PDB file of N, CA and C in Angstrom:
ATOM      1  N   UNK A   1      90.879 107.869  92.740  1.00  0.00           N
ATOM      2  CA  UNK A   1      92.278 108.091  92.484  1.00  0.00           C
ATOM      3  C   UNK A   1      93.074 107.447  93.613  1.00  0.00           C
ATOM      4  N   UNK A   2      94.201 106.891  93.254  1.00  0.00           N
ATOM      5  CA  UNK A   2      95.038 106.212  94.246  1.00  0.00           C
ATOM      6  C   UNK A   2      96.508 106.544  93.992  1.00  0.00           C
ATOM      7  N   UNK A   3      97.261 106.655  95.062  1.00  0.00           N
ATOM      8  CA  UNK A   3      98.702 106.873  94.975  1.00  0.00           C
ATOM      9  C   UNK A   3      99.386 106.013  96.020  1.00  0.00           C
ATOM     10  N   UNK A   4     100.532 105.477  95.668  1.00  0.00           N
ATOM     11  CA  UNK A   4     101.304 104.627  96.584  1.00  0.00           C
ATOM     12  C   UNK A   4     102.753 105.072  96.507  1.00  0.00           C
ATOM     13  N   UNK A   5     103.429 105.059  97.655  1.00  0.00           N
ATOM     14  CA  UNK A   5     104.865 105.340  97.645  1.00  0.00           C
ATOM     15  C   UNK A   5     105.538 104.501  98.718  1.00  0.00           C
ATOM     16  N   UNK A   6     106.748 104.083  98.419  1.00  0.00           N
ATOM     17  CA  UNK A   6     107.549 103.307  99.366  1.00  0.00           C
ATOM     18  C   UNK A   6     108.928 103.962  99.447  1.00  0.00           C
ATOM     19  N   UNK A   7     109.463 104.039 100.651  1.00  0.00           N
ATOM     20  CA  UNK A   7     110.737 104.710 100.884  1.00  0.00           C
ATOM     21  C   UNK A   7     111.660 103.774 101.652  1.00  0.00           C
ATOM     22  N   UNK A   8     112.875 103.671 101.179  1.00  0.00           N
ATOM     23  CA  UNK A   8     113.910 102.928 101.903  1.00  0.00           C
ATOM     24  C   UNK A   8     114.409 103.840 103.025  1.00  0.00           C
ATOM     25  N   UNK A   9     114.180 103.456 104.252  1.00  0.00           N
ATOM     26  CA  UNK A   9     114.505 104.292 105.405  1.00  0.00           C
ATOM     27  C   UNK A   9     116.002 104.623 105.447  1.00  0.00           C
ATOM     28  N   UNK A  10     116.840 103.706 105.000  1.00  0.00           N
ATOM     29  CA  UNK A  10     118.283 103.975 105.028  1.00  0.00           C
ATOM     30  C   UNK A  10     118.638 105.152 104.111  1.00  0.00           C
ATOM     31  N   UNK A  11     117.860 105.366 103.078  1.00  0.00           N
ATOM     32  CA  UNK A  11     118.072 106.524 102.198  1.00  0.00           C
ATOM     33  C   UNK A  11     117.844 107.824 102.958  1.00  0.00           C
ATOM     34  N   UNK A  12     116.810 107.847 103.782  1.00  0.00           N
ATOM     35  CA  UNK A  12     116.507 109.033 104.594  1.00  0.00           C
ATOM     36  C   UNK A  12     117.576 109.199 105.675  1.00  0.00           C
ATOM     37  N   UNK A  13     118.006 108.092 106.233  1.00  0.00           N
ATOM     38  CA  UNK A  13     118.997 108.103 107.316  1.00  0.00           C
ATOM     39  C   UNK A  13     120.320 108.725 106.883  1.00  0.00           C
ATOM     40  N   UNK A  14     120.653 108.589 105.603  1.00  0.00           N
ATOM     41  CA  UNK A  14     121.910 109.118 105.085  1.00  0.00           C
ATOM     42  C   UNK A  14     121.872 110.633 104.894  1.00  0.00           C
ATOM     43  N   UNK A  15     120.676 111.210 104.881  1.00  0.00           N
ATOM     44  CA  UNK A  15     120.526 112.653 104.672  1.00  0.00           C
ATOM     45  C   UNK A  15     120.668 113.390 105.995  1.00  0.00           C
ATOM     46  N   UNK A  16     120.806 114.698 105.911  1.00  0.00           N
ATOM     47  CA  UNK A  16     120.771 115.525 107.114  1.00  0.00           C
ATOM     48  C   UNK A  16     119.304 115.602 107.531  1.00  0.00           C
ATOM     49  N   UNK A  17     118.908 114.730 108.458  1.00  0.00           N
ATOM     50  CA  UNK A  17     117.480 114.571 108.753  1.00  0.00           C
ATOM     51  C   UNK A  17     116.827 115.834 109.293  1.00  0.00           C
ATOM     52  N   UNK A  18     117.516 116.612 110.095  1.00  0.00           N
ATOM     53  CA  UNK A  18     116.907 117.831 110.629  1.00  0.00           C
ATOM     54  C   UNK A  18     116.657 118.833 109.511  1.00  0.00           C
ATOM     55  N   UNK A  19     117.595 118.939 108.592  1.00  0.00           N
ATOM     56  CA  UNK A  19     117.451 119.848 107.454  1.00  0.00           C
ATOM     57  C   UNK A  19     116.298 119.384 106.557  1.00  0.00           C
ATOM     58  N   UNK A  20     116.225 118.074 106.326  1.00  0.00           N
ATOM     59  CA  UNK A  20     115.138 117.509 105.518  1.00  0.00           C
ATOM     60  C   UNK A  20     113.791 117.765 106.191  1.00  0.00           C
ATOM     61  N   UNK A  21     113.713 117.521 107.489  1.00  0.00           N
ATOM     62  CA  UNK A  21     112.463 117.726 108.224  1.00  0.00           C
ATOM     63  C   UNK A  21     112.008 119.177 108.112  1.00  0.00           C
ATOM     64  N   UNK A  22     112.926 120.107 108.241  1.00  0.00           N
ATOM     65  CA  UNK A  22     112.585 121.527 108.139  1.00  0.00           C
ATOM     66  C   UNK A  22     112.087 121.872 106.739  1.00  0.00           C
ATOM     67  N   UNK A  23     112.657 121.220 105.736  1.00  0.00           N
ATOM     68  CA  UNK A  23     112.294 121.516 104.347  1.00  0.00           C
ATOM     69  C   UNK A  23     110.941 120.930 103.944  1.00  0.00           C
ATOM     70  N   UNK A  24     110.611 119.723 104.420  1.00  0.00           N
ATOM     71  CA  UNK A  24     109.401 119.063 103.911  1.00  0.00           C
ATOM     72  C   UNK A  24     108.238 119.038 104.895  1.00  0.00           C
ATOM     73  N   UNK A  25     108.494 119.352 106.169  1.00  0.00           N
ATOM     74  CA  UNK A  25     107.427 119.262 107.168  1.00  0.00           C
ATOM     75  C   UNK A  25     106.963 120.637 107.630  1.00  0.00           C
ATOM     76  N   UNK A  26     105.688 120.730 107.959  1.00  0.00           N
ATOM     77  CA  UNK A  26     105.159 121.948 108.565  1.00  0.00           C
ATOM     78  C   UNK A  26     105.612 121.977 110.025  1.00  0.00           C
ATOM     79  N   UNK A  27     105.423 123.099 110.673  1.00  0.00           N
ATOM     80  CA  UNK A  27     105.777 123.217 112.098  1.00  0.00           C
ATOM     81  C   UNK A  27     105.000 122.197 112.929  1.00  0.00           C
ATOM     82  N   UNK A  28     103.719 122.023 112.603  1.00  0.00           N
ATOM     83  CA  UNK A  28     102.884 121.081 113.357  1.00  0.00           C
ATOM     84  C   UNK A  28     103.383 119.646 113.183  1.00  0.00           C
ATOM     85  N   UNK A  29     103.787 119.281 111.971  1.00  0.00           N
ATOM     86  CA  UNK A  29     104.331 117.943 111.728  1.00  0.00           C
ATOM     87  C   UNK A  29     105.644 117.740 112.478  1.00  0.00           C
ATOM     88  N   UNK A  30     106.498 118.768 112.486  1.00  0.00           N
ATOM     89  CA  UNK A  30     107.770 118.676 113.203  1.00  0.00           C
ATOM     90  C   UNK A  30     107.530 118.477 114.701  1.00  0.00           C
ATOM     91  N   UNK A  31     106.550 119.191 115.253  1.00  0.00           N
ATOM     92  CA  UNK A  31     106.209 119.037 116.666  1.00  0.00           C
ATOM     93  C   UNK A  31     105.743 117.614 116.955  1.00  0.00           C
ATOM     94  N   UNK A  32     104.889 117.082 116.079  1.00  0.00           N
ATOM     95  CA  UNK A  32     104.392 115.710 116.248  1.00  0.00           C
ATOM     96  C   UNK A  32     105.554 114.713 116.221  1.00  0.00           C
ATOM     97  N   UNK A  33     106.431 114.882 115.253  1.00  0.00           N
ATOM     98  CA  UNK A  33     107.573 113.976 115.104  1.00  0.00           C
ATOM     99  C   UNK A  33     108.491 114.033 116.324  1.00  0.00           C
ATOM    100  N   UNK A  34     108.772 115.233 116.802  1.00  0.00           N
ATOM    101  CA  UNK A  34     109.621 115.383 117.984  1.00  0.00           C
ATOM    102  C   UNK A  34     108.956 114.793 119.221  1.00  0.00           C
ATOM    103  N   UNK A  35     107.661 115.034 119.378  1.00  0.00           N
ATOM    104  CA  UNK A  35     106.918 114.493 120.522  1.00  0.00           C
ATOM    105  C   UNK A  35     106.901 112.963 120.470  1.00  0.00           C
ATOM    106  N   UNK A  36     106.633 112.416 119.277  1.00  0.00           N
ATOM    107  CA  UNK A  36     106.586 110.963 119.123  1.00  0.00           C
ATOM    108  C   UNK A  36     107.943 110.350 119.434  1.00  0.00           C
ATOM    109  N   UNK A  37     109.005 110.979 118.979  1.00  0.00           N
ATOM    110  CA  UNK A  37     110.351 110.474 119.243  1.00  0.00           C
ATOM    111  C   UNK A  37     110.655 110.516 120.726  1.00  0.00           C
ATOM    112  N   UNK A  38     110.217 111.567 121.416  1.00  0.00           N
ATOM    113  CA  UNK A  38     110.443 111.670 122.855  1.00  0.00           C
ATOM    114  C   UNK A  38     109.682 110.590 123.611  1.00  0.00           C
ATOM    115  N   UNK A  39     108.498 110.230 123.105  1.00  0.00           N
ATOM    116  CA  UNK A  39     107.700 109.204 123.756  1.00  0.00           C
ATOM    117  C   UNK A  39     108.332 107.822 123.634  1.00  0.00           C
ATOM    118  N   UNK A  40     109.175 107.646 122.651  1.00  0.00           N
ATOM    119  CA  UNK A  40     109.837 106.347 122.460  1.00  0.00           C
ATOM    120  C   UNK A  40     111.286 106.421 122.941  1.00  0.00           C
ATOM    121  N   UNK A  41     111.481 107.188 124.005  1.00  0.00           N
ATOM    122  CA  UNK A  41     112.812 107.338 124.623  1.00  0.00           C
ATOM    123  C   UNK A  41     113.844 107.927 123.670  1.00  0.00           C
ATOM    124  N   UNK A  42     113.362 108.750 122.728  1.00  0.00           N
ATOM    125  CA  UNK A  42     114.275 109.441 121.828  1.00  0.00           C
ATOM    126  C   UNK A  42     115.051 108.539 120.901  1.00  0.00           C
ATOM    127  N   UNK A  43     114.535 107.360 120.605  1.00  0.00           N
ATOM    128  CA  UNK A  43     115.240 106.453 119.698  1.00  0.00           C
ATOM    129  C   UNK A  43     115.357 107.108 118.322  1.00  0.00           C
ATOM    130  N   UNK A  44     116.575 107.277 117.827  1.00  0.00           N
ATOM    131  CA  UNK A  44     116.741 107.914 116.524  1.00  0.00           C
ATOM    132  C   UNK A  44     116.011 107.159 115.419  1.00  0.00           C
ATOM    133  N   UNK A  45     115.960 105.849 115.518  1.00  0.00           N
ATOM    134  CA  UNK A  45     115.326 105.070 114.453  1.00  0.00           C
ATOM    135  C   UNK A  45     113.845 105.415 114.322  1.00  0.00           C
ATOM    136  N   UNK A  46     113.168 105.668 115.449  1.00  0.00           N
ATOM    137  CA  UNK A  46     111.738 106.030 115.396  1.00  0.00           C
ATOM    138  C   UNK A  46     111.545 107.345 114.654  1.00  0.00           C
ATOM    139  N   UNK A  47     112.417 108.295 114.898  1.00  0.00           N
ATOM    140  CA  UNK A  47     112.364 109.588 114.214  1.00  0.00           C
ATOM    141  C   UNK A  47     112.556 109.392 112.710  1.00  0.00           C
ATOM    142  N   UNK A  48     113.562 108.621 112.329  1.00  0.00           N
ATOM    143  CA  UNK A  48     113.872 108.391 110.913  1.00  0.00           C
ATOM    144  C   UNK A  48     112.728 107.644 110.228  1.00  0.00           C
ATOM    145  N   UNK A  49     112.197 106.608 110.879  1.00  0.00           N
ATOM    146  CA  UNK A  49     111.098 105.846 110.292  1.00  0.00           C
ATOM    147  C   UNK A  49     109.876 106.734 110.095  1.00  0.00           C
ATOM    148  N   UNK A  50     109.577 107.560 111.075  1.00  0.00           N
ATOM    149  CA  UNK A  50     108.416 108.443 110.965  1.00  0.00           C
ATOM    150  C   UNK A  50     108.627 109.495 109.884  1.00  0.00           C
ATOM    151  N   UNK A  51     109.829 110.045 109.793  1.00  0.00           N
ATOM    152  CA  UNK A  51     110.142 111.024 108.753  1.00  0.00           C
ATOM    153  C   UNK A  51     109.984 110.380 107.375  1.00  0.00           C
ATOM    154  N   UNK A  52     110.461 109.159 107.226  1.00  0.00           N
ATOM    155  CA  UNK A  52     110.300 108.440 105.953  1.00  0.00           C
ATOM    156  C   UNK A  52     108.814 108.208 105.663  1.00  0.00           C
ATOM    157  N   UNK A  53     108.036 107.927 106.699  1.00  0.00           N
ATOM    158  CA  UNK A  53     106.590 107.752 106.532  1.00  0.00           C
ATOM    159  C   UNK A  53     105.913 109.018 106.056  1.00  0.00           C
ATOM    160  N   UNK A  54     106.308 110.163 106.620  1.00  0.00           N
ATOM    161  CA  UNK A  54     105.755 111.450 106.170  1.00  0.00           C
ATOM    162  C   UNK A  54     106.084 111.674 104.694  1.00  0.00           C
ATOM    163  N   UNK A  55     107.336 111.407 104.327  1.00  0.00           N
ATOM    164  CA  UNK A  55     107.761 111.583 102.929  1.00  0.00           C
ATOM    165  C   UNK A  55     106.910 110.696 102.007  1.00  0.00           C
ATOM    166  N   UNK A  56     106.768 109.428 102.380  1.00  0.00           N
ATOM    167  CA  UNK A  56     105.994 108.490 101.562  1.00  0.00           C
ATOM    168  C   UNK A  56     104.535 108.944 101.441  1.00  0.00           C
ATOM    169  N   UNK A  57     103.958 109.438 102.528  1.00  0.00           N
ATOM    170  CA  UNK A  57     102.563 109.877 102.517  1.00  0.00           C
ATOM    171  C   UNK A  57     102.371 111.073 101.586  1.00  0.00           C
ATOM    172  N   UNK A  58     103.288 112.006 101.635  1.00  0.00           N
ATOM    173  CA  UNK A  58     103.180 113.187 100.777  1.00  0.00           C
ATOM    174  C   UNK A  58     103.341 112.810  99.305  1.00  0.00           C
ATOM    175  N   UNK A  59     104.273 111.919  99.015  1.00  0.00           N
ATOM    176  CA  UNK A  59     104.442 111.468  97.626  1.00  0.00           C
ATOM    177  C   UNK A  59     103.224 110.674  97.161  1.00  0.00           C
ATOM    178  N   UNK A  60     102.669 109.830  98.021  1.00  0.00           N
ATOM    179  CA  UNK A  60     101.474 109.062  97.657  1.00  0.00           C
ATOM    180  C   UNK A  60     100.320 110.004  97.336  1.00  0.00           C
ATOM    181  N   UNK A  61     100.167 111.062  98.129  1.00  0.00           N
ATOM    182  CA  UNK A  61      99.116 112.050  97.867  1.00  0.00           C
ATOM    183  C   UNK A  61      99.328 112.713  96.509  1.00  0.00           C
ATOM    184  N   UNK A  62     100.561 113.154  96.238  1.00  0.00           N
ATOM    185  CA  UNK A  62     100.839 113.814  94.952  1.00  0.00           C
ATOM    186  C   UNK A  62     100.592 112.865  93.781  1.00  0.00           C
ATOM    187  N   UNK A  63     100.924 111.603  93.950  1.00  0.00           N
ATOM    188  CA  UNK A  63     100.658 110.624  92.892  1.00  0.00           C
ATOM    189  C   UNK A  63      99.153 110.420  92.708  1.00  0.00           C
ATOM    190  N   UNK A  64      98.411 110.445  93.798  1.00  0.00           N
ATOM    191  CA  UNK A  64      96.959 110.254  93.714  1.00  0.00           C
ATOM    192  C   UNK A  64      96.288 111.382  92.936  1.00  0.00           C
ATOM    193  N   UNK A  65      96.843 112.589  93.018  1.00  0.00           N
ATOM    194  CA  UNK A  65      96.238 113.698  92.266  1.00  0.00           C
ATOM    195  C   UNK A  65      96.874 113.864  90.888  1.00  0.00           C
ATOM    196  N   UNK A  66      97.772 112.938  90.546  1.00  0.00           N
ATOM    197  CA  UNK A  66      98.339 112.929  89.194  1.00  0.00           C
ATOM    198  C   UNK A  66      99.490 113.892  88.992  1.00  0.00           C
ATOM    199  N   UNK A  67     100.185 114.227  90.076  1.00  0.00           N
ATOM    200  CA  UNK A  67     101.311 115.152  89.998  1.00  0.00           C
ATOM    201  C   UNK A  67     102.567 114.398  90.398  1.00  0.00           C
ATOM    202  N   UNK A  68     103.670 114.678  89.754  1.00  0.00           N
ATOM    203  CA  UNK A  68     104.927 114.057  90.149  1.00  0.00           C
ATOM    204  C   UNK A  68     105.441 114.675  91.434  1.00  0.00           C
ATOM    205  N   UNK A  69     106.542 114.180  91.914  1.00  0.00           N
ATOM    206  CA  UNK A  69     107.114 114.696  93.145  1.00  0.00           C
ATOM    207  C   UNK A  69     107.498 116.158  92.946  1.00  0.00           C
ATOM    208  N   UNK A  70     107.073 116.969  93.875  1.00  0.00           N
ATOM    209  CA  UNK A  70     107.316 118.405  93.832  1.00  0.00           C
ATOM    210  C   UNK A  70     107.812 118.811  95.216  1.00  0.00           C
ATOM    211  N   UNK A  71     109.119 118.747  95.421  1.00  0.00           N
ATOM    212  CA  UNK A  71     109.665 118.978  96.761  1.00  0.00           C
ATOM    213  C   UNK A  71     109.420 120.394  97.258  1.00  0.00           C
ATOM    214  N   UNK A  72     109.154 121.340  96.355  1.00  0.00           N
ATOM    215  CA  UNK A  72     108.866 122.707  96.786  1.00  0.00           C
ATOM    216  C   UNK A  72     107.524 122.806  97.499  1.00  0.00           C
ATOM    217  N   UNK A  73     106.627 121.868  97.245  1.00  0.00           N
ATOM    218  CA  UNK A  73     105.297 121.924  97.849  1.00  0.00           C
ATOM    219  C   UNK A  73     105.096 120.935  98.992  1.00  0.00           C
ATOM    220  N   UNK A  74     106.101 120.155  99.338  1.00  0.00           N
ATOM    221  CA  UNK A  74     105.903 119.117 100.346  1.00  0.00           C
ATOM    222  C   UNK A  74     105.514 119.687 101.713  1.00  0.00           C
ATOM    223  N   UNK A  75     106.035 120.867 102.066  1.00  0.00           N
ATOM    224  CA  UNK A  75     105.674 121.421 103.368  1.00  0.00           C
ATOM    225  C   UNK A  75     104.300 122.105 103.355  1.00  0.00           C
ATOM    226  N   UNK A  76     103.671 122.167 102.190  1.00  0.00           N
ATOM    227  CA  UNK A  76     102.313 122.707 102.092  1.00  0.00           C
ATOM    228  C   UNK A  76     101.268 121.596 102.186  1.00  0.00           C
ATOM    229  N   UNK A  77     101.737 120.368 102.182  1.00  0.00           N
ATOM    230  CA  UNK A  77     100.881 119.189 102.388  1.00  0.00           C
ATOM    231  C   UNK A  77     101.191 118.705 103.795  1.00  0.00           C
ATOM    232  N   UNK A  78     100.184 118.675 104.650  1.00  0.00           N
ATOM    233  CA  UNK A  78     100.418 118.238 106.023  1.00  0.00           C
ATOM    234  C   UNK A  78      99.803 116.871 106.258  1.00  0.00           C
ATOM    235  N   UNK A  79     100.553 116.027 106.924  1.00  0.00           N
ATOM    236  CA  UNK A  79     100.048 114.742 107.386  1.00  0.00           C
ATOM    237  C   UNK A  79      99.865 114.896 108.894  1.00  0.00           C
ATOM    238  N   UNK A  80      98.628 115.055 109.295  1.00  0.00           N
ATOM    239  CA  UNK A  80      98.302 115.270 110.698  1.00  0.00           C
ATOM    240  C   UNK A  80      97.650 114.012 111.253  1.00  0.00           C
ATOM    241  N   UNK A  81      97.390 114.008 112.533  1.00  0.00           N
ATOM    242  CA  UNK A  81      96.849 112.802 113.175  1.00  0.00           C
ATOM    243  C   UNK A  81      95.690 113.139 114.093  1.00  0.00           C
ATOM    244  N   UNK A  82      94.637 112.333 113.995  1.00  0.00           N
ATOM    245  CA  UNK A  82      93.502 112.458 114.904  1.00  0.00           C
ATOM    246  C   UNK A  82      93.928 111.935 116.267  1.00  0.00           C
ATOM    247  N   UNK A  83      93.090 112.169 117.280  1.00  0.00           N
ATOM    248  CA  UNK A  83      93.388 111.693 118.640  1.00  0.00           C
ATOM    249  C   UNK A  83      93.605 110.179 118.658  1.00  0.00           C
ATOM    250  N   UNK A  84      92.935 109.470 117.754  1.00  0.00           N
ATOM    251  CA  UNK A  84      93.062 108.009 117.678  1.00  0.00           C
ATOM    252  C   UNK A  84      94.405 107.574 117.074  1.00  0.00           C
ATOM    253  N   UNK A  85      95.136 108.530 116.495  1.00  0.00           N
ATOM    254  CA  UNK A  85      96.395 108.210 115.827  1.00  0.00           C
ATOM    255  C   UNK A  85      96.247 108.082 114.321  1.00  0.00           C
ATOM    256  N   UNK A  86      95.010 108.060 113.839  1.00  0.00           N
ATOM    257  CA  UNK A  86      94.761 107.934 112.397  1.00  0.00           C
ATOM    258  C   UNK A  86      95.284 109.165 111.660  1.00  0.00           C
ATOM    259  N   UNK A  87      96.108 108.951 110.614  1.00  0.00           N
ATOM    260  CA  UNK A  87      96.619 110.092 109.861  1.00  0.00           C
ATOM    261  C   UNK A  87      95.568 110.642 108.886  1.00  0.00           C
ATOM    262  N   UNK A  88      95.690 111.926 108.613  1.00  0.00           N
ATOM    263  CA  UNK A  88      94.850 112.551 107.586  1.00  0.00           C
ATOM    264  C   UNK A  88      95.657 113.637 106.894  1.00  0.00           C
ATOM    265  N   UNK A  89      95.204 114.011 105.695  1.00  0.00           N
ATOM    266  CA  UNK A  89      95.914 114.989 104.876  1.00  0.00           C
ATOM    267  C   UNK A  89      95.216 116.341 104.975  1.00  0.00           C
ATOM    268  N   UNK A  90      96.031 117.372 105.150  1.00  0.00           N
ATOM    269  CA  UNK A  90      95.536 118.751 105.122  1.00  0.00           C
ATOM    270  C   UNK A  90      96.455 119.511 104.176  1.00  0.00           C
ATOM    271  N   UNK A  91      95.863 120.205 103.207  1.00  0.00           N
ATOM    272  CA  UNK A  91      96.684 121.005 102.297  1.00  0.00           C
ATOM    273  C   UNK A  91      96.286 122.466 102.437  1.00  0.00           C
ATOM    274  N   UNK A  92      97.226 123.358 102.168  1.00  0.00           N
ATOM    275  CA  UNK A  92      96.923 124.776 102.315  1.00  0.00           C
ATOM    276  C   UNK A  92      96.027 125.253 101.165  1.00  0.00           C
ATOM    277  N   UNK A  93      95.423 126.412 101.340  1.00  0.00           N
ATOM    278  CA  UNK A  93      94.456 126.943 100.373  1.00  0.00           C
ATOM    279  C   UNK A  93      95.053 127.129  98.983  1.00  0.00           C
ATOM    280  N   UNK A  94      96.299 127.589  98.934  1.00  0.00           N
ATOM    281  CA  UNK A  94      96.962 127.818  97.639  1.00  0.00           C
ATOM    282  C   UNK A  94      97.030 126.521  96.837  1.00  0.00           C
ATOM    283  N   UNK A  95      97.442 125.461  97.487  1.00  0.00           N
ATOM    284  CA  UNK A  95      97.548 124.168  96.825  1.00  0.00           C
ATOM    285  C   UNK A  95      96.164 123.619  96.475  1.00  0.00           C
ATOM    286  N   UNK A  96      95.202 123.813  97.378  1.00  0.00           N
ATOM    287  CA  UNK A  96      93.838 123.339  97.132  1.00  0.00           C
ATOM    288  C   UNK A  96      93.265 123.987  95.883  1.00  0.00           C
ATOM    289  N   UNK A  97      93.478 125.286  95.721  1.00  0.00           N
ATOM    290  CA  UNK A  97      92.986 126.003  94.536  1.00  0.00           C
ATOM    291  C   UNK A  97      93.708 125.532  93.275  1.00  0.00           C
ATOM    292  N   UNK A  98      95.005 125.252  93.416  1.00  0.00           N
ATOM    293  CA  UNK A  98      95.802 124.794  92.270  1.00  0.00           C
ATOM    294  C   UNK A  98      95.301 123.444  91.762  1.00  0.00           C
ATOM    295  N   UNK A  99      94.881 122.583  92.688  1.00  0.00           N
ATOM    296  CA  UNK A  99      94.413 121.251  92.322  1.00  0.00           C
ATOM    297  C   UNK A  99      92.912 121.155  92.570  1.00  0.00           C
ATOM    298  N   UNK A 100      92.149 121.841  91.727  1.00  0.00           N
ATOM    299  CA  UNK A 100      90.696 121.900  91.898  1.00  0.00           C
ATOM    300  C   UNK A 100      90.047 120.518  91.793  1.00  0.00           C
ATOM    301  N   UNK A 101      90.807 119.534  91.329  1.00  0.00           N
ATOM    302  CA  UNK A 101      90.316 118.160  91.245  1.00  0.00           C
ATOM    303  C   UNK A 101      89.870 117.652  92.623  1.00  0.00           C
ATOM    304  N   UNK A 102      90.343 118.296  93.689  1.00  0.00           N
ATOM    305  CA  UNK A 102      90.035 117.856  95.051  1.00  0.00           C
ATOM    306  C   UNK A 102      88.674 118.339  95.556  1.00  0.00           C
ATOM    307  N   UNK A 103      88.035 119.247  94.831  1.00  0.00           N
ATOM    308  CA  UNK A 103      86.735 119.771  95.265  1.00  0.00           C
ATOM    309  C   UNK A 103      85.737 118.657  95.533  1.00  0.00           C
ATOM    310  N   UNK A 104      85.208 118.636  96.747  1.00  0.00           N
ATOM    311  CA  UNK A 104      84.189 117.660  97.120  1.00  0.00           C
ATOM    312  C   UNK A 104      84.691 116.246  97.312  1.00  0.00           C
ATOM    313  N   UNK A 105      85.982 116.054  97.306  1.00  0.00           N
ATOM    314  CA  UNK A 105      86.559 114.710  97.446  1.00  0.00           C
ATOM    315  C   UNK A 105      87.022 114.461  98.878  1.00  0.00           C
ATOM    316  N   UNK A 106      87.031 113.202  99.269  1.00  0.00           N
ATOM    317  CA  UNK A 106      87.583 112.787 100.557  1.00  0.00           C
ATOM    318  C   UNK A 106      88.961 112.185 100.316  1.00  0.00           C
ATOM    319  N   UNK A 107      89.898 112.547 101.178  1.00  0.00           N
ATOM    320  CA  UNK A 107      91.261 112.044 101.069  1.00  0.00           C
ATOM    321  C   UNK A 107      91.503 111.077 102.223  1.00  0.00           C
ATOM    322  N   UNK A 108      91.949 109.876 101.894  1.00  0.00           N
ATOM    323  CA  UNK A 108      92.245 108.857 102.905  1.00  0.00           C
ATOM    324  C   UNK A 108      93.701 108.445 102.752  1.00  0.00           C
ATOM    325  N   UNK A 109      94.413 108.381 103.874  1.00  0.00           N
ATOM    326  CA  UNK A 109      95.841 108.056 103.826  1.00  0.00           C
ATOM    327  C   UNK A 109      96.174 106.992 104.872  1.00  0.00           C
ATOM    328  N   UNK A 110      97.068 106.109 104.521  1.00  0.00           N
ATOM    329  CA  UNK A 110      97.550 105.101 105.456  1.00  0.00           C
ATOM    330  C   UNK A 110      99.073 105.065 105.345  1.00  0.00           C
ATOM    331  N   UNK A 111      99.732 104.928 106.499  1.00  0.00           N
ATOM    332  CA  UNK A 111     101.194 104.912 106.549  1.00  0.00           C
ATOM    333  C   UNK A 111     101.637 103.723 107.393  1.00  0.00           C
ATOM    334  N   UNK A 112     102.666 103.040 106.932  1.00  0.00           N
ATOM    335  CA  UNK A 112     103.213 101.939 107.713  1.00  0.00           C
ATOM    336  C   UNK A 112     104.714 101.883 107.498  1.00  0.00           C
ATOM    337  N   UNK A 113     105.434 101.369 108.489  1.00  0.00           N
ATOM    338  CA  UNK A 113     106.871 101.167 108.302  1.00  0.00           C
ATOM    339  C   UNK A 113     107.319  99.942 109.078  1.00  0.00           C
ATOM    340  N   UNK A 114     108.230  99.209 108.416  1.00  0.00           N
ATOM    341  CA  UNK A 114     108.778  97.994 108.995  1.00  0.00           C
ATOM    342  C   UNK A 114     109.943  97.543 108.113  1.00  0.00           C
ATOM    343  N   UNK A 115     110.848  96.794 108.694  1.00  0.00           N
ATOM    344  CA  UNK A 115     111.955  96.186 107.946  1.00  0.00           C
ATOM    345  C   UNK A 115     112.669  97.180 107.037  1.00  0.00           C
ATOM    346  N   UNK A 116     112.971  98.355 107.588  1.00  0.00           N
ATOM    347  CA  UNK A 116     113.710  99.408 106.895  1.00  0.00           C
ATOM    348  C   UNK A 116     112.980 100.012 105.696  1.00  0.00           C
ATOM    349  N   UNK A 117     111.660  99.868 105.657  1.00  0.00           N
ATOM    350  CA  UNK A 117     110.861 100.473 104.593  1.00  0.00           C
ATOM    351  C   UNK A 117     109.681 101.224 105.209  1.00  0.00           C
ATOM    352  N   UNK A 118     109.308 102.312 104.566  1.00  0.00           N
ATOM    353  CA  UNK A 118     108.094 103.045 104.934  1.00  0.00           C
ATOM    354  C   UNK A 118     107.223 103.066 103.682  1.00  0.00           C
ATOM    355  N   UNK A 119     105.931 102.867 103.858  1.00  0.00           N
ATOM    356  CA  UNK A 119     105.012 102.841 102.723  1.00  0.00           C
ATOM    357  C   UNK A 119     103.757 103.638 103.066  1.00  0.00           C
ATOM    358  N   UNK A 120     103.178 104.237 102.049  1.00  0.00           N
ATOM    359  CA  UNK A 120     101.932 104.962 102.236  1.00  0.00           C
ATOM    360  C   UNK A 120     101.039 104.748 101.024  1.00  0.00           C
ATOM    361  N   UNK A 121      99.740 104.683 101.309  1.00  0.00           N
ATOM    362  CA  UNK A 121      98.729 104.567 100.252  1.00  0.00           C
ATOM    363  C   UNK A 121      97.742 105.719 100.474  1.00  0.00           C
ATOM    364  N   UNK A 122      97.395 106.397  99.398  1.00  0.00           N
ATOM    365  CA  UNK A 122      96.437 107.498  99.458  1.00  0.00           C
ATOM    366  C   UNK A 122      95.300 107.216  98.486  1.00  0.00           C
ATOM    367  N   UNK A 123      94.058 107.291  98.990  1.00  0.00           N
ATOM    368  CA  UNK A 123      92.865 107.159  98.159  1.00  0.00           C
ATOM    369  C   UNK A 123      92.118 108.496  98.177  1.00  0.00           C
ATOM    370  N   UNK A 124      91.704 108.931  97.027  1.00  0.00           N
ATOM    371  CA  UNK A 124      90.886 110.143  96.929  1.00  0.00           C
ATOM    372  C   UNK A 124      89.588 109.740  96.245  1.00  0.00           C
ATOM    373  N   UNK A 125      88.481 109.871  96.973  1.00  0.00           N
ATOM    374  CA  UNK A 125      87.163 109.444  96.445  1.00  0.00           C
ATOM    375  C   UNK A 125      86.136 110.537  96.621  1.00  0.00           C
TER     376      UNK A 125
END
């Protein structure tokens, strides 16, 4: 199964980004985003690009499992990062049970952003 999503960063920039982050990100994701932004001298663009990347990754995951965008569940899907920086998907137990298609499957996610676009590809094998 595969899912792909692309986000125009300017679309995210026009929203109340803090409110959006609180709505779609887990506490751990918010901490990562804030830490990453601080590491880049607090550049607002880095925060916005990363937030758009999180959004794209969550939508790509939902598309990979055959579900449309469900903004009520976005904060139950976490995009976390290994020490190497590689992103991975973690979903809560409630969502895992709801989508039993994930049993025994590996989830692979990639996120990139450039030229005012963020894109993510999710493979489930």
